[in-house]
Structure formats: structure tokens, C-alpha cells
Amino acid sequence: MVVDDESDVADLFRQRFRREVRQSVYVLHFAFSGEEALQQLEAEIQPELIVILSDINMPGMDGLALLREIKDRRPELPL
């Protein structure tokens, strides 16, 4: 999952990993705020997440607060 308030970041990841996505090596999930990322986590994203990349400076919940919240809610998820 990539969490960033700038939509062009999602486009960059889609472009960089387009071959891997097409070959079903990776499934990319995007959230445009910390709150949206938490909502997606609550919805039990499939396939299971293996990494969360987060912007630090975002309006509302910043990336560090997001990581703390994820650790509290999903302690089994490696951070």
C-alpha cells in the first residue's frame, strides 16, 4: 500500500511496477490520506499487505501518526 496525499505518486508507482502488476507479481493499493489507509486496513485488504509506504507530511494524520495507529490496530503487521 502506498499512502500519499499527492495523486501523481500513485501514477509513478503504477508506471514503475506496471509489468509486475500485469504479471500478477504485485497488487498495488493506494490511499490518499492516513484516514483512508486505516479504512482500507479495516476492510481486510486482499491479498495480504506485505509493505506500507507512507508519506510523512500529509494533512490531517501524518505518516508517523499513521504508522503508530497501524501498530496499535494490527500488531501482527510488520512495520
Protein backbone atom coordinates (compact mmCIF):
# COMPACT_ATOMS: atom_id res chain seq x y z
CA MET A 1 0.00 0.00 0.00
CA VAL A 2 1.23 3.45 -0.89
CA VAL A 3 -0.16 6.30 1.22
CA ASP A 4 0.37 9.79 -0.15
CA ASP A 5 -1.85 12.84 -0.49
CA GLU A 6 -0.40 13.61 -3.94
CA SER A 7 -2.16 11.62 -6.68
CA ASP A 8 0.84 11.78 -9.03
CA VAL A 9 2.74 9.48 -6.65
CA ALA A 10 0.21 6.72 -7.38
CA ASP A 11 0.76 7.25 -11.10
CA LEU A 12 4.52 6.93 -10.63
CA PHE A 13 4.17 3.63 -8.76
CA ARG A 14 1.72 2.29 -11.36
CA GLN A 15 4.16 3.20 -14.11
CA ARG A 16 7.21 1.79 -12.34
CA PHE A 17 5.55 -1.54 -11.45
CA ARG A 18 3.25 -1.93 -14.47
CA ARG A 19 4.97 -5.11 -15.68
CA GLU A 20 4.87 -6.73 -12.24
CA VAL A 21 1.21 -5.79 -11.81
CA ARG A 22 0.34 -7.15 -15.26
CA GLN A 23 2.13 -10.41 -14.38
CA SER A 24 0.31 -10.55 -11.01
CA VAL A 25 3.58 -10.38 -9.10
CA TYR A 26 2.27 -7.38 -7.11
CA VAL A 27 -1.09 -5.89 -6.33
CA LEU A 28 -0.81 -2.17 -5.60
CA HIS A 29 -3.19 -0.45 -3.19
CA PHE A 30 -3.30 3.31 -2.77
CA ALA A 31 -4.67 5.61 -0.09
CA PHE A 32 -4.60 9.38 -0.31
CA SER A 33 -4.69 10.05 3.44
CA GLY A 34 -3.87 8.31 6.69
CA GLU A 35 -7.56 8.01 7.45
CA GLU A 36 -8.25 6.34 4.10
CA ALA A 37 -5.39 3.90 4.69
CA LEU A 38 -6.89 2.90 8.04
CA GLN A 39 -10.31 2.39 6.43
CA GLN A 40 -8.76 0.10 3.84
CA LEU A 41 -6.95 -1.87 6.54
CA GLU A 42 -10.23 -2.33 8.41
CA ALA A 43 -11.75 -3.73 5.20
CA GLU A 44 -9.17 -6.56 5.24
CA ILE A 45 -7.29 -5.88 2.01
CA GLN A 46 -6.58 -8.94 -0.11
CA PRO A 47 -4.08 -10.20 -0.92
CA GLU A 48 -2.49 -9.54 2.46
CA LEU A 49 -0.26 -6.49 2.62
CA ILE A 50 3.47 -7.03 2.66
CA VAL A 51 4.58 -3.40 2.83
CA ILE A 52 3.16 0.05 3.54
CA LEU A 53 4.97 3.07 2.13
CA SER A 54 3.75 6.34 3.57
CA ASP A 55 4.43 9.99 3.00
CA ILE A 56 5.35 11.68 6.27
CA ASN A 57 3.94 15.15 5.60
CA MET A 58 0.21 14.87 4.88
CA PRO A 59 -2.70 17.00 6.01
CA GLY A 60 -4.73 15.51 8.83
CA MET A 61 -3.00 12.37 10.02
CA ASP A 62 0.69 12.47 9.11
CA GLY A 63 2.65 9.36 8.16
CA LEU A 64 4.24 8.86 11.58
CA ALA A 65 0.86 9.02 13.33
CA LEU A 66 -0.50 6.58 10.73
CA LEU A 67 2.28 4.07 11.45
CA ARG A 68 1.65 4.32 15.21
CA GLU A 69 -2.07 3.75 14.65
CA ILE A 70 -1.43 0.75 12.39
CA LYS A 71 0.89 -0.74 15.01
CA ASP A 72 -1.85 -0.37 17.64
CA ARG A 73 -4.59 -1.83 15.42
CA ARG A 74 -2.62 -4.52 13.58
CA PRO A 75 0.34 -5.55 15.75
CA GLU A 76 0.94 -8.62 13.57
CA LEU A 77 1.66 -6.44 10.52
CA PRO A 78 5.41 -5.76 10.24
CA LEU A 79 6.28 -2.06 10.25
